[in-house]
């Protein structure tokens, strides 16, 4: 028990010591196309990057995070960020606000704006980076961190086991159940999971592009049998103001058993919605998610979501 407490304190210390997005940080304030927020990352070693921005008065834009190798102390050839885009898209085109999370180490990083349209358009935001986590006083916390078990492998456990959580392919945090130690079976039940434990502990690990042209319903996320859809973020914009709503159903473009998921958003050119995992926008089990436009128009965007198996 003492060893487990020591291990727990080590983990907590590592978490406290993990810095927030601040090691590599630059702001930008665009009123015309160009490049800003250049970060010299040669000695900072930032590997995780977060772009957040908001726009006003813009009817179109393309905001791109770029990376470059080092060329004798200056940036080499700039390219679209060559690492992994974990959340969101690069470049961003939303004319209201958006964010993108990326991973990868490059000596130089910056933000470039192109295609800005709007008489008084302005795009403001921040590009921030995070270095690898290390424990206070130096040294990296071992991964995985070893802790004392409950006895030799194959023997009856002599104490409460240390439960290890993991994320399955449906983005749920899965915590194994166990029988009470000392019960008649004296065994661990590792073949089941406790849904109440991960009901709100999930990550929106999927995304899909939105492309709409016709009036009426258009499917943006297909159904999966015995799974519900949970939406964390959706953003889209169009070339004409329309009434927009989200619906569910089955069959082609939710044409069977159609039900409104939201009310109408009246006369809009763009829409951005964010939800937490404690209050996600949920589509019923075995149903698809569709968007309805009141009139034909060209609309595009992105939806970030997860699927939760039952």
C-alpha atoms as a PDB file:
ATOM      1  CA  UNK A   1       0.000   0.000   0.000  1.00  0.00           C
ATOM      2  CA  UNK A   2       2.887   2.331   0.836  1.00  0.00           C
ATOM      3  CA  UNK A   3       4.485   1.700  -2.537  1.00  0.00           C
ATOM      4  CA  UNK A   4       1.193   2.381  -4.310  1.00  0.00           C
ATOM      5  CA  UNK A   5       0.872   5.709  -2.450  1.00  0.00           C
ATOM      6  CA  UNK A   6       4.422   6.649  -3.484  1.00  0.00           C
ATOM      7  CA  UNK A   7       3.626   5.822  -7.100  1.00  0.00           C
ATOM      8  CA  UNK A   8       0.432   7.863  -6.956  1.00  0.00           C
ATOM      9  CA  UNK A   9       2.301  10.850  -5.551  1.00  0.00           C
ATOM     10  CA  UNK A  10       4.865  10.513  -8.355  1.00  0.00           C
ATOM     11  CA  UNK A  11       2.108  10.643 -10.949  1.00  0.00           C
ATOM     12  CA  UNK A  12       0.522  13.669  -9.267  1.00  0.00           C
ATOM     13  CA  UNK A  13       3.872  15.445  -9.145  1.00  0.00           C
ATOM     14  CA  UNK A  14       4.391  14.810 -12.829  1.00  0.00           C
ATOM     15  CA  UNK A  15       0.948  16.222 -13.626  1.00  0.00           C
ATOM     16  CA  UNK A  16       1.583  19.326 -11.500  1.00  0.00           C
ATOM     17  CA  UNK A  17       4.936  19.762 -13.188  1.00  0.00           C
ATOM     18  CA  UNK A  18       3.470  19.511 -16.691  1.00  0.00           C
ATOM     19  CA  UNK A  19       3.417  23.051 -18.082  1.00  0.00           C
ATOM     20  CA  UNK A  20       0.438  24.589 -19.796  1.00  0.00           C
ATOM     21  CA  UNK A  21       0.588  25.709 -23.439  1.00  0.00           C
ATOM     22  CA  UNK A  22       3.106  28.502 -22.928  1.00  0.00           C
ATOM     23  CA  UNK A  23       6.649  27.414 -23.869  1.00  0.00           C
ATOM     24  CA  UNK A  24       6.262  28.568 -27.483  1.00  0.00           C
ATOM     25  CA  UNK A  25       3.680  31.291 -27.877  1.00  0.00           C
ATOM     26  CA  UNK A  26       2.960  34.016 -30.401  1.00  0.00           C
ATOM     27  CA  UNK A  27      -0.118  36.086 -31.232  1.00  0.00           C
ATOM     28  CA  UNK A  28      -1.325  37.323 -34.601  1.00  0.00           C
ATOM     29  CA  UNK A  29      -3.623  40.128 -35.742  1.00  0.00           C
ATOM     30  CA  UNK A  30      -4.277  40.071 -39.490  1.00  0.00           C
ATOM     31  CA  UNK A  31      -6.077  42.737 -41.507  1.00  0.00           C
ATOM     32  CA  UNK A  32      -4.599  41.504 -44.805  1.00  0.00           C
ATOM     33  CA  UNK A  33      -2.977  38.389 -46.225  1.00  0.00           C
ATOM     34  CA  UNK A  34       0.501  37.604 -44.913  1.00  0.00           C
ATOM     35  CA  UNK A  35       2.490  35.658 -42.312  1.00  0.00           C
ATOM     36  CA  UNK A  36       2.733  36.334 -38.566  1.00  0.00           C
ATOM     37  CA  UNK A  37       3.322  34.577 -35.219  1.00  0.00           C
ATOM     38  CA  UNK A  38       6.674  33.094 -36.250  1.00  0.00           C
ATOM     39  CA  UNK A  39       8.130  30.877 -33.501  1.00  0.00           C
ATOM     40  CA  UNK A  40      11.828  30.020 -33.223  1.00  0.00           C
ATOM     41  CA  UNK A  41      11.530  26.477 -31.861  1.00  0.00           C
ATOM     42  CA  UNK A  42      15.180  25.447 -32.283  1.00  0.00           C
ATOM     43  CA  UNK A  43      15.931  25.410 -28.551  1.00  0.00           C
ATOM     44  CA  UNK A  44      12.412  25.406 -27.041  1.00  0.00           C
ATOM     45  CA  UNK A  45      11.625  21.885 -28.242  1.00  0.00           C
ATOM     46  CA  UNK A  46       7.854  22.329 -28.418  1.00  0.00           C
ATOM     47  CA  UNK A  47       6.106  19.305 -29.933  1.00  0.00           C
ATOM     48  CA  UNK A  48       2.363  19.958 -29.371  1.00  0.00           C
ATOM     49  CA  UNK A  49       0.805  23.040 -30.983  1.00  0.00           C
ATOM     50  CA  UNK A  50      -2.568  24.705 -30.520  1.00  0.00           C
ATOM     51  CA  UNK A  51      -4.000  27.292 -32.916  1.00  0.00           C
ATOM     52  CA  UNK A  52      -7.011  29.328 -31.788  1.00  0.00           C
ATOM     53  CA  UNK A  53      -8.477  32.283 -33.659  1.00  0.00           C
ATOM     54  CA  UNK A  54     -11.517  34.463 -34.163  1.00  0.00           C
ATOM     55  CA  UNK A  55     -12.491  36.513 -37.179  1.00  0.00           C
ATOM     56  CA  UNK A  56     -14.732  39.543 -37.672  1.00  0.00           C
ATOM     57  CA  UNK A  57     -16.075  41.030 -40.888  1.00  0.00           C
ATOM     58  CA  UNK A  58     -14.618  38.209 -42.985  1.00  0.00           C
ATOM     59  CA  UNK A  59     -16.557  36.535 -45.770  1.00  0.00           C
ATOM     60  CA  UNK A  60     -13.711  34.163 -46.660  1.00  0.00           C
ATOM     61  CA  UNK A  61     -10.281  33.225 -45.317  1.00  0.00           C
ATOM     62  CA  UNK A  62      -7.669  30.460 -45.211  1.00  0.00           C
ATOM     63  CA  UNK A  63      -5.535  30.313 -42.059  1.00  0.00           C
ATOM     64  CA  UNK A  64      -2.595  27.911 -42.340  1.00  0.00           C
ATOM     65  CA  UNK A  65      -0.058  26.757 -39.735  1.00  0.00           C
ATOM     66  CA  UNK A  66       3.299  26.197 -41.454  1.00  0.00           C
ATOM     67  CA  UNK A  67       6.592  24.568 -40.459  1.00  0.00           C
ATOM     68  CA  UNK A  68      10.124  24.886 -41.810  1.00  0.00           C
ATOM     69  CA  UNK A  69      13.553  23.305 -41.246  1.00  0.00           C
ATOM     70  CA  UNK A  70      16.478  25.387 -40.017  1.00  0.00           C
ATOM     71  CA  UNK A  71      18.772  26.953 -42.634  1.00  0.00           C
ATOM     72  CA  UNK A  72      21.818  28.341 -40.807  1.00  0.00           C
ATOM     73  CA  UNK A  73      19.718  30.185 -38.237  1.00  0.00           C
ATOM     74  CA  UNK A  74      16.863  31.175 -40.531  1.00  0.00           C
ATOM     75  CA  UNK A  75      13.765  29.290 -41.701  1.00  0.00           C
ATOM     76  CA  UNK A  76      14.152  27.026 -44.713  1.00  0.00           C
ATOM     77  CA  UNK A  77      11.305  26.327 -47.113  1.00  0.00           C
ATOM     78  CA  UNK A  78       7.898  26.824 -45.477  1.00  0.00           C
ATOM     79  CA  UNK A  79       5.315  24.049 -45.942  1.00  0.00           C
ATOM     80  CA  UNK A  80       1.908  23.201 -44.494  1.00  0.00           C
ATOM     81  CA  UNK A  81       2.568  21.888 -40.943  1.00  0.00           C
ATOM     82  CA  UNK A  82       4.281  18.571 -41.649  1.00  0.00           C
ATOM     83  CA  UNK A  83       3.254  16.845 -38.412  1.00  0.00           C
ATOM     84  CA  UNK A  84      -0.027  15.250 -37.381  1.00  0.00           C
ATOM     85  CA  UNK A  85      -3.298  17.202 -37.144  1.00  0.00           C
ATOM     86  CA  UNK A  86      -5.018  15.663 -34.110  1.00  0.00           C
ATOM     87  CA  UNK A  87      -8.122  17.842 -33.887  1.00  0.00           C
ATOM     88  CA  UNK A  88      -9.575  20.238 -36.436  1.00  0.00           C
ATOM     89  CA  UNK A  89      -8.180  21.031 -39.887  1.00  0.00           C
ATOM     90  CA  UNK A  90      -5.219  22.876 -41.397  1.00  0.00           C
ATOM     91  CA  UNK A  91      -5.809  25.276 -43.065  1.00  0.00           C
ATOM     92  CA  UNK A  92      -8.862  26.649 -41.261  1.00  0.00           C
ATOM     93  CA  UNK A  93     -11.542  28.372 -43.327  1.00  0.00           C
ATOM     94  CA  UNK A  94     -14.231  29.167 -40.756  1.00  0.00           C
ATOM     95  CA  UNK A  95     -15.085  32.874 -40.843  1.00  0.00           C
ATOM     96  CA  UNK A  96     -16.101  33.054 -37.166  1.00  0.00           C
ATOM     97  CA  UNK A  97     -13.743  31.110 -34.897  1.00  0.00           C
ATOM     98  CA  UNK A  98     -12.009  27.725 -34.716  1.00  0.00           C
ATOM     99  CA  UNK A  99      -9.132  25.785 -33.202  1.00  0.00           C
ATOM    100  CA  UNK A 100      -6.657  23.109 -34.328  1.00  0.00           C
ATOM    101  CA  UNK A 101      -4.393  20.778 -32.311  1.00  0.00           C
ATOM    102  CA  UNK A 102      -1.222  19.412 -33.936  1.00  0.00           C
ATOM    103  CA  UNK A 103       1.800  17.308 -32.975  1.00  0.00           C
ATOM    104  CA  UNK A 104       5.324  17.357 -34.381  1.00  0.00           C
ATOM    105  CA  UNK A 105       8.716  18.976 -33.833  1.00  0.00           C
ATOM    106  CA  UNK A 106       9.991  21.543 -36.351  1.00  0.00           C
ATOM    107  CA  UNK A 107      12.625  24.271 -35.842  1.00  0.00           C
ATOM    108  CA  UNK A 108      10.382  27.046 -37.174  1.00  0.00           C
ATOM    109  CA  UNK A 109       6.593  27.419 -37.032  1.00  0.00           C
ATOM    110  CA  UNK A 110       4.338  30.286 -38.148  1.00  0.00           C
ATOM    111  CA  UNK A 111       0.790  31.245 -39.240  1.00  0.00           C
ATOM    112  CA  UNK A 112      -0.039  32.404 -42.772  1.00  0.00           C
ATOM    113  CA  UNK A 113      -3.327  34.004 -43.864  1.00  0.00           C
ATOM    114  CA  UNK A 114      -4.513  34.001 -47.464  1.00  0.00           C
ATOM    115  CA  UNK A 115      -7.757  34.637 -49.335  1.00  0.00           C
ATOM    116  CA  UNK A 116      -9.048  37.145 -46.762  1.00  0.00           C
ATOM    117  CA  UNK A 117     -12.214  38.814 -48.025  1.00  0.00           C
ATOM    118  CA  UNK A 118     -14.279  41.527 -46.339  1.00  0.00           C
ATOM    119  CA  UNK A 119     -13.989  45.291 -46.282  1.00  0.00           C
ATOM    120  CA  UNK A 120     -13.041  45.532 -42.595  1.00  0.00           C
ATOM    121  CA  UNK A 121     -12.004  41.940 -41.993  1.00  0.00           C
ATOM    122  CA  UNK A 122      -9.711  41.112 -39.084  1.00  0.00           C
ATOM    123  CA  UNK A 123      -8.360  37.759 -37.844  1.00  0.00           C
ATOM    124  CA  UNK A 124      -6.865  37.525 -34.350  1.00  0.00           C
ATOM    125  CA  UNK A 125      -5.520  34.555 -32.460  1.00  0.00           C
ATOM    126  CA  UNK A 126      -2.678  32.695 -30.805  1.00  0.00           C
ATOM    127  CA  UNK A 127      -0.299  29.898 -31.749  1.00  0.00           C
ATOM    128  CA  UNK A 128       0.973  28.099 -28.647  1.00  0.00           C
ATOM    129  CA  UNK A 129       3.310  25.166 -28.142  1.00  0.00           C
ATOM    130  CA  UNK A 130       4.016  22.659 -25.399  1.00  0.00           C
ATOM    131  CA  UNK A 131       7.246  20.829 -24.628  1.00  0.00           C
ATOM    132  CA  UNK A 132       7.419  17.182 -23.480  1.00  0.00           C
ATOM    133  CA  UNK A 133       6.334  16.666 -19.876  1.00  0.00           C
ATOM    134  CA  UNK A 134       9.056  16.157 -17.262  1.00  0.00           C
ATOM    135  CA  UNK A 135       8.942  15.770 -13.495  1.00  0.00           C
ATOM    136  CA  UNK A 136      10.129  18.716 -11.330  1.00  0.00           C
ATOM    137  CA  UNK A 137      13.855  18.612 -10.719  1.00  0.00           C
ATOM    138  CA  UNK A 138      14.606  16.824 -13.998  1.00  0.00           C
ATOM    139  CA  UNK A 139      14.056  13.343 -15.300  1.00  0.00           C
ATOM    140  CA  UNK A 140      11.197  11.920 -17.284  1.00  0.00           C
ATOM    141  CA  UNK A 141       8.521   9.885 -15.509  1.00  0.00           C
ATOM    142  CA  UNK A 142       8.832   6.257 -16.695  1.00  0.00           C
ATOM    143  CA  UNK A 143       6.132   5.089 -19.079  1.00  0.00           C
ATOM    144  CA  UNK A 144       4.594   2.818 -17.954  1.00  0.00           C
ATOM    145  CA  UNK A 145       5.199   3.599 -14.279  1.00  0.00           C
ATOM    146  CA  UNK A 146       5.888   0.471 -12.280  1.00  0.00           C
ATOM    147  CA  UNK A 147       3.910  -0.081  -9.068  1.00  0.00           C
ATOM    148  CA  UNK A 148       3.820  -2.905  -6.567  1.00  0.00           C
ATOM    149  CA  UNK A 149       1.343  -5.620  -7.429  1.00  0.00           C
ATOM    150  CA  UNK A 150      -0.794  -7.757  -5.142  1.00  0.00           C
ATOM    151  CA  UNK A 151       1.286 -10.899  -5.073  1.00  0.00           C
ATOM    152  CA  UNK A 152       3.009 -13.270  -7.492  1.00  0.00           C
ATOM    153  CA  UNK A 153       1.388 -13.802 -10.869  1.00  0.00           C
ATOM    154  CA  UNK A 154      -1.131 -16.647 -10.821  1.00  0.00           C
ATOM    155  CA  UNK A 155      -1.733 -16.481  -7.068  1.00  0.00           C
ATOM    156  CA  UNK A 156      -4.857 -15.264  -5.296  1.00  0.00           C
ATOM    157  CA  UNK A 157      -4.617 -11.445  -4.882  1.00  0.00           C
ATOM    158  CA  UNK A 158      -3.679 -10.400  -1.361  1.00  0.00           C
ATOM    159  CA  UNK A 159      -4.748  -6.759  -1.647  1.00  0.00           C
ATOM    160  CA  UNK A 160      -6.881  -4.467  -3.777  1.00  0.00           C
ATOM    161  CA  UNK A 161      -5.379  -4.442  -7.294  1.00  0.00           C
ATOM    162  CA  UNK A 162      -4.311  -1.266  -9.068  1.00  0.00           C
ATOM    163  CA  UNK A 163      -6.853  -0.645 -11.837  1.00  0.00           C
ATOM    164  CA  UNK A 164      -5.511   0.622 -15.144  1.00  0.00           C
ATOM    165  CA  UNK A 165      -7.720   2.702 -17.410  1.00  0.00           C
ATOM    166  CA  UNK A 166      -7.465   2.714 -21.175  1.00  0.00           C
ATOM    167  CA  UNK A 167      -9.174   4.234 -24.204  1.00  0.00           C
ATOM    168  CA  UNK A 168     -10.865   1.809 -26.573  1.00  0.00           C
ATOM    169  CA  UNK A 169     -11.452   2.314 -30.295  1.00  0.00           C
ATOM    170  CA  UNK A 170     -14.717   4.093 -29.588  1.00  0.00           C
ATOM    171  CA  UNK A 171     -12.924   6.732 -27.471  1.00  0.00           C
ATOM    172  CA  UNK A 172     -14.338   5.544 -24.154  1.00  0.00           C
ATOM    173  CA  UNK A 173     -12.294   5.477 -20.966  1.00  0.00           C
ATOM    174  CA  UNK A 174     -12.652   1.844 -19.892  1.00  0.00           C
ATOM    175  CA  UNK A 175     -12.159   0.843 -16.260  1.00  0.00           C
ATOM    176  CA  UNK A 176     -12.154  -2.913 -15.522  1.00  0.00           C
ATOM    177  CA  UNK A 177     -14.482  -4.243 -12.860  1.00  0.00           C
ATOM    178  CA  UNK A 178     -13.306  -6.602 -10.156  1.00  0.00           C
ATOM    179  CA  UNK A 179     -14.946  -8.777  -7.530  1.00  0.00           C
ATOM    180  CA  UNK A 180     -14.375  -7.761  -3.950  1.00  0.00           C
ATOM    181  CA  UNK A 181     -11.150  -9.318  -2.653  1.00  0.00           C
ATOM    182  CA  UNK A 182     -11.969 -11.955  -0.092  1.00  0.00           C
ATOM    183  CA  UNK A 183     -15.225 -12.993  -1.759  1.00  0.00           C
ATOM    184  CA  UNK A 184     -15.867 -16.650  -2.383  1.00  0.00           C
ATOM    185  CA  UNK A 185     -14.510 -16.584  -5.954  1.00  0.00           C
ATOM    186  CA  UNK A 186     -11.269 -14.772  -5.061  1.00  0.00           C
ATOM    187  CA  UNK A 187     -10.896 -13.816  -8.735  1.00  0.00           C
ATOM    188  CA  UNK A 188     -10.748 -10.748 -10.922  1.00  0.00           C
ATOM    189  CA  UNK A 189     -13.430 -10.077 -13.500  1.00  0.00           C
ATOM    190  CA  UNK A 190     -11.522  -8.473 -16.386  1.00  0.00           C
ATOM    191  CA  UNK A 191     -14.005  -9.387 -19.096  1.00  0.00           C
ATOM    192  CA  UNK A 192     -16.500  -6.606 -18.458  1.00  0.00           C
ATOM    193  CA  UNK A 193     -16.469  -2.839 -18.167  1.00  0.00           C
ATOM    194  CA  UNK A 194     -18.537  -0.476 -16.067  1.00  0.00           C
ATOM    195  CA  UNK A 195     -20.451   1.818 -18.429  1.00  0.00           C
ATOM    196  CA  UNK A 196     -21.336   4.175 -15.588  1.00  0.00           C
ATOM    197  CA  UNK A 197     -17.602   4.854 -15.203  1.00  0.00           C
ATOM    198  CA  UNK A 198     -17.077   6.039 -18.777  1.00  0.00           C
ATOM    199  CA  UNK A 199     -20.516   7.388 -19.672  1.00  0.00           C
ATOM    200  CA  UNK A 200     -19.147  10.949 -19.821  1.00  0.00           C
ATOM    201  CA  UNK A 201     -15.421  10.144 -20.063  1.00  0.00           C
ATOM    202  CA  UNK A 202     -14.839   9.933 -23.792  1.00  0.00           C
ATOM    203  CA  UNK A 203     -12.943  11.776 -26.491  1.00  0.00           C
ATOM    204  CA  UNK A 204     -14.338  12.947 -29.806  1.00  0.00           C
ATOM    205  CA  UNK A 205     -11.768  11.083 -31.891  1.00  0.00           C
ATOM    206  CA  UNK A 206     -13.544  11.151 -35.262  1.00  0.00           C
ATOM    207  CA  UNK A 207     -14.219  13.920 -37.749  1.00  0.00           C
ATOM    208  CA  UNK A 208     -15.964  14.325 -41.078  1.00  0.00           C
ATOM    209  CA  UNK A 209     -16.101  17.034 -43.722  1.00  0.00           C
ATOM    210  CA  UNK A 210     -19.459  18.707 -44.357  1.00  0.00           C
ATOM    211  CA  UNK A 211     -20.442  19.420 -47.973  1.00  0.00           C
ATOM    212  CA  UNK A 212     -24.005  20.600 -48.638  1.00  0.00           C
ATOM    213  CA  UNK A 213     -25.586  21.824 -51.868  1.00  0.00           C
ATOM    214  CA  UNK A 214     -29.234  20.758 -51.880  1.00  0.00           C
ATOM    215  CA  UNK A 215     -32.242  21.885 -49.886  1.00  0.00           C
ATOM    216  CA  UNK A 216     -33.686  19.462 -47.377  1.00  0.00           C
ATOM    217  CA  UNK A 217     -31.835  16.738 -45.466  1.00  0.00           C
ATOM    218  CA  UNK A 218     -28.252  15.645 -46.197  1.00  0.00           C
ATOM    219  CA  UNK A 219     -26.468  12.978 -44.154  1.00  0.00           C
ATOM    220  CA  UNK A 220     -23.170  14.056 -42.547  1.00  0.00           C
ATOM    221  CA  UNK A 221     -22.546  11.063 -40.205  1.00  0.00           C
ATOM    222  CA  UNK A 222     -23.699   7.558 -41.108  1.00  0.00           C
ATOM    223  CA  UNK A 223     -25.368   5.352 -38.506  1.00  0.00           C
ATOM    224  CA  UNK A 224     -23.640   2.401 -36.859  1.00  0.00           C
ATOM    225  CA  UNK A 225     -25.844  -0.374 -35.531  1.00  0.00           C
ATOM    226  CA  UNK A 226     -26.109  -0.421 -31.721  1.00  0.00           C
ATOM    227  CA  UNK A 227     -24.059   2.783 -31.415  1.00  0.00           C
ATOM    228  CA  UNK A 228     -25.031   6.361 -30.729  1.00  0.00           C
ATOM    229  CA  UNK A 229     -23.280   9.442 -32.112  1.00  0.00           C
ATOM    230  CA  UNK A 230     -21.961  12.143 -29.790  1.00  0.00           C
ATOM    231  CA  UNK A 231     -20.997  15.468 -31.328  1.00  0.00           C
ATOM    232  CA  UNK A 232     -18.429  17.715 -29.638  1.00  0.00           C
ATOM    233  CA  UNK A 233     -18.038  20.364 -32.333  1.00  0.00           C
ATOM    234  CA  UNK A 234     -19.578  21.405 -35.629  1.00  0.00           C
ATOM    235  CA  UNK A 235     -18.768  24.462 -37.726  1.00  0.00           C
ATOM    236  CA  UNK A 236     -19.862  25.378 -41.226  1.00  0.00           C
ATOM    237  CA  UNK A 237     -20.602  28.341 -43.466  1.00  0.00           C
ATOM    238  CA  UNK A 238     -22.226  28.981 -46.825  1.00  0.00           C
ATOM    239  CA  UNK A 239     -22.553  31.336 -49.755  1.00  0.00           C
ATOM    240  CA  UNK A 240     -26.153  32.213 -48.947  1.00  0.00           C
ATOM    241  CA  UNK A 241     -28.210  32.791 -45.806  1.00  0.00           C
ATOM    242  CA  UNK A 242     -30.530  29.868 -45.063  1.00  0.00           C
ATOM    243  CA  UNK A 243     -32.432  28.253 -42.204  1.00  0.00           C
ATOM    244  CA  UNK A 244     -30.463  25.331 -40.764  1.00  0.00           C
ATOM    245  CA  UNK A 245     -31.364  22.492 -38.408  1.00  0.00           C
ATOM    246  CA  UNK A 246     -29.987  19.099 -37.401  1.00  0.00           C
ATOM    247  CA  UNK A 247     -32.097  15.949 -37.639  1.00  0.00           C
ATOM    248  CA  UNK A 248     -31.787  12.199 -37.136  1.00  0.00           C
ATOM    249  CA  UNK A 249     -33.239   9.134 -38.790  1.00  0.00           C
ATOM    250  CA  UNK A 250     -32.400   6.082 -40.857  1.00  0.00           C
ATOM    251  CA  UNK A 251     -32.404   5.317 -44.569  1.00  0.00           C
ATOM    252  CA  UNK A 252     -31.188   7.668 -47.289  1.00  0.00           C
ATOM    253  CA  UNK A 253     -30.468  11.128 -45.815  1.00  0.00           C
ATOM    254  CA  UNK A 254     -32.427  10.310 -42.624  1.00  0.00           C
ATOM    255  CA  UNK A 255     -35.570   9.899 -44.723  1.00  0.00           C
ATOM    256  CA  UNK A 256     -37.057   7.197 -42.475  1.00  0.00           C
ATOM    257  CA  UNK A 257     -38.185   8.000 -38.952  1.00  0.00           C
ATOM    258  CA  UNK A 258     -36.947  11.582 -39.271  1.00  0.00           C
ATOM    259  CA  UNK A 259     -36.828  13.519 -35.996  1.00  0.00           C
ATOM    260  CA  UNK A 260     -35.525  17.015 -35.249  1.00  0.00           C
ATOM    261  CA  UNK A 261     -32.418  17.126 -33.078  1.00  0.00           C
ATOM    262  CA  UNK A 262     -32.373  20.939 -32.932  1.00  0.00           C
ATOM    263  CA  UNK A 263     -34.707  23.736 -33.816  1.00  0.00           C
ATOM    264  CA  UNK A 264     -34.113  26.002 -36.797  1.00  0.00           C
ATOM    265  CA  UNK A 265     -31.217  28.443 -36.871  1.00  0.00           C
ATOM    266  CA  UNK A 266     -32.826  31.196 -38.944  1.00  0.00           C
ATOM    267  CA  UNK A 267     -31.234  33.196 -41.771  1.00  0.00           C
ATOM    268  CA  UNK A 268     -27.569  32.411 -41.115  1.00  0.00           C
ATOM    269  CA  UNK A 269     -24.422  32.335 -43.274  1.00  0.00           C
ATOM    270  CA  UNK A 270     -22.295  30.414 -40.762  1.00  0.00           C
ATOM    271  CA  UNK A 271     -22.672  28.305 -37.638  1.00  0.00           C
ATOM    272  CA  UNK A 272     -20.231  27.048 -34.979  1.00  0.00           C
ATOM    273  CA  UNK A 273     -21.320  24.882 -32.028  1.00  0.00           C
ATOM    274  CA  UNK A 274     -19.160  23.398 -29.256  1.00  0.00           C
ATOM    275  CA  UNK A 275     -20.311  20.777 -26.742  1.00  0.00           C
ATOM    276  CA  UNK A 276     -18.562  19.140 -23.780  1.00  0.00           C
ATOM    277  CA  UNK A 277     -18.503  15.404 -23.124  1.00  0.00           C
ATOM    278  CA  UNK A 278     -20.814  16.065 -20.177  1.00  0.00           C
ATOM    279  CA  UNK A 279     -23.367  17.695 -22.492  1.00  0.00           C
ATOM    280  CA  UNK A 280     -22.640  16.382 -25.965  1.00  0.00           C
ATOM    281  CA  UNK A 281     -25.139  16.667 -28.795  1.00  0.00           C
ATOM    282  CA  UNK A 282     -26.391  13.065 -28.917  1.00  0.00           C
ATOM    283  CA  UNK A 283     -27.944  11.125 -31.763  1.00  0.00           C
ATOM    284  CA  UNK A 284     -30.080   8.113 -30.700  1.00  0.00           C
ATOM    285  CA  UNK A 285     -28.757   4.571 -31.059  1.00  0.00           C
ATOM    286  CA  UNK A 286     -28.593   3.177 -34.617  1.00  0.00           C
ATOM    287  CA  UNK A 287     -29.498   6.497 -36.268  1.00  0.00           C
ATOM    288  CA  UNK A 288     -27.617   8.847 -38.584  1.00  0.00           C
ATOM    289  CA  UNK A 289     -27.025  12.606 -38.263  1.00  0.00           C
ATOM    290  CA  UNK A 290     -28.289  14.900 -41.033  1.00  0.00           C
ATOM    291  CA  UNK A 291     -28.339  18.643 -41.736  1.00  0.00           C
ATOM    292  CA  UNK A 292     -31.299  20.367 -43.363  1.00  0.00           C
ATOM    293  CA  UNK A 293     -31.016  23.561 -45.440  1.00  0.00           C
ATOM    294  CA  UNK A 294     -34.171  25.542 -46.181  1.00  0.00           C
ATOM    295  CA  UNK A 295     -32.994  26.341 -49.724  1.00  0.00           C
ATOM    296  CA  UNK A 296     -30.266  25.065 -52.023  1.00  0.00           C
ATOM    297  CA  UNK A 297     -26.872  26.666 -51.289  1.00  0.00           C
ATOM    298  CA  UNK A 298     -23.186  25.773 -51.107  1.00  0.00           C
ATOM    299  CA  UNK A 299     -22.244  25.063 -47.494  1.00  0.00           C
ATOM    300  CA  UNK A 300     -19.125  23.399 -46.062  1.00  0.00           C
ATOM    301  CA  UNK A 301     -17.430  22.743 -42.752  1.00  0.00           C
ATOM    302  CA  UNK A 302     -16.461  20.032 -40.267  1.00  0.00           C
ATOM    303  CA  UNK A 303     -18.074  17.902 -37.552  1.00  0.00           C
ATOM    304  CA  UNK A 304     -16.010  16.347 -34.710  1.00  0.00           C
ATOM    305  CA  UNK A 305     -17.655  13.407 -32.949  1.00  0.00           C
ATOM    306  CA  UNK A 306     -17.419   9.951 -31.372  1.00  0.00           C
ATOM    307  CA  UNK A 307     -19.482   6.769 -31.577  1.00  0.00           C
ATOM    308  CA  UNK A 308     -20.495   5.015 -28.392  1.00  0.00           C
ATOM    309  CA  UNK A 309     -21.332   1.294 -28.563  1.00  0.00           C
ATOM    310  CA  UNK A 310     -24.157  -0.136 -26.447  1.00  0.00           C
END
